[in-house]
């Protein structure tokens, strides 16, 4: 399964659970992590601060106990 297939799978699970789907930044973060990028590398591609990216990542895990 590649990163795009994984993202589609995650979004389909979220939709089934009626929790919506990942927003654009969450998708970028998910894809970056799936592809082995560090937060620093993801930040370089999003023009967001590393702390903001870390906060978004922590929020994703907080809302997903299996993270």
Protein backbone atom coordinates (compact mmCIF):
# COMPACT_ATOMS: atom_id res chain seq x y z
CA UNK A 1 0.00 0.00 0.00
CA UNK A 2 1.46 3.35 -0.95
CA UNK A 3 0.93 6.60 0.93
CA UNK A 4 -1.98 7.79 -1.25
CA UNK A 5 -3.81 4.47 -0.85
CA UNK A 6 -3.25 4.62 2.90
CA UNK A 7 -4.63 8.16 3.02
CA UNK A 8 -7.73 7.12 1.08
CA UNK A 9 -8.20 4.18 3.46
CA UNK A 10 -7.87 6.40 6.55
CA UNK A 11 -10.32 8.96 5.16
CA UNK A 12 -12.82 6.20 4.29
CA UNK A 13 -12.60 4.86 7.87
CA UNK A 14 -13.14 8.35 9.26
CA UNK A 15 -16.16 8.85 7.01
CA UNK A 16 -17.64 5.53 8.14
CA UNK A 17 -17.18 6.63 11.74
CA UNK A 18 -18.85 9.94 10.81
CA UNK A 19 -15.83 11.93 11.92
CA UNK A 20 -15.25 13.74 8.62
CA UNK A 21 -11.95 13.45 6.78
CA UNK A 22 -8.46 14.80 7.37
CA UNK A 23 -7.98 18.44 6.45
CA UNK A 24 -5.28 19.52 4.00
CA UNK A 25 -2.54 20.01 6.61
CA UNK A 26 -3.41 16.73 8.35
CA UNK A 27 -3.18 14.97 4.98
CA UNK A 28 0.23 16.53 4.28
CA UNK A 29 1.41 15.48 7.73
CA UNK A 30 0.07 11.93 7.33
CA UNK A 31 1.67 11.52 3.90
CA UNK A 32 4.98 12.94 5.12
CA UNK A 33 5.12 10.62 8.11
CA UNK A 34 4.06 7.63 5.98
CA UNK A 35 6.89 8.44 3.57
CA UNK A 36 9.44 8.66 6.41
CA UNK A 37 9.87 12.43 6.51
CA UNK A 38 10.79 14.22 9.71
CA UNK A 39 8.76 17.09 11.11
CA UNK A 40 11.53 19.42 9.92
CA UNK A 41 11.23 18.10 6.37
CA UNK A 42 7.45 18.37 6.44
CA UNK A 43 7.74 21.97 7.69
CA UNK A 44 9.97 22.88 4.75
CA UNK A 45 7.22 21.75 2.39
CA UNK A 46 4.34 23.45 4.21
CA UNK A 47 5.88 26.76 5.27
CA UNK A 48 4.51 26.18 8.75
CA UNK A 49 6.51 26.19 11.97
CA UNK A 50 7.78 22.90 13.32
CA UNK A 51 5.88 23.50 16.55
CA UNK A 52 2.62 23.93 14.62
CA UNK A 53 3.26 20.70 12.69
CA UNK A 54 4.05 18.89 15.95
CA UNK A 55 0.84 20.23 17.51
CA UNK A 56 -1.22 19.02 14.54
CA UNK A 57 0.49 15.61 14.76
CA UNK A 58 -0.19 15.37 18.48
CA UNK A 59 -3.83 16.30 17.92
CA UNK A 60 -4.19 13.58 15.29
CA UNK A 61 -2.86 11.00 17.72
CA UNK A 62 -4.90 12.34 20.61
CA UNK A 63 -8.07 11.91 18.54
CA UNK A 64 -6.99 8.45 17.36
CA UNK A 65 -6.09 6.05 20.17
CA UNK A 66 -4.48 3.60 17.73
CA UNK A 67 -1.93 6.21 16.66
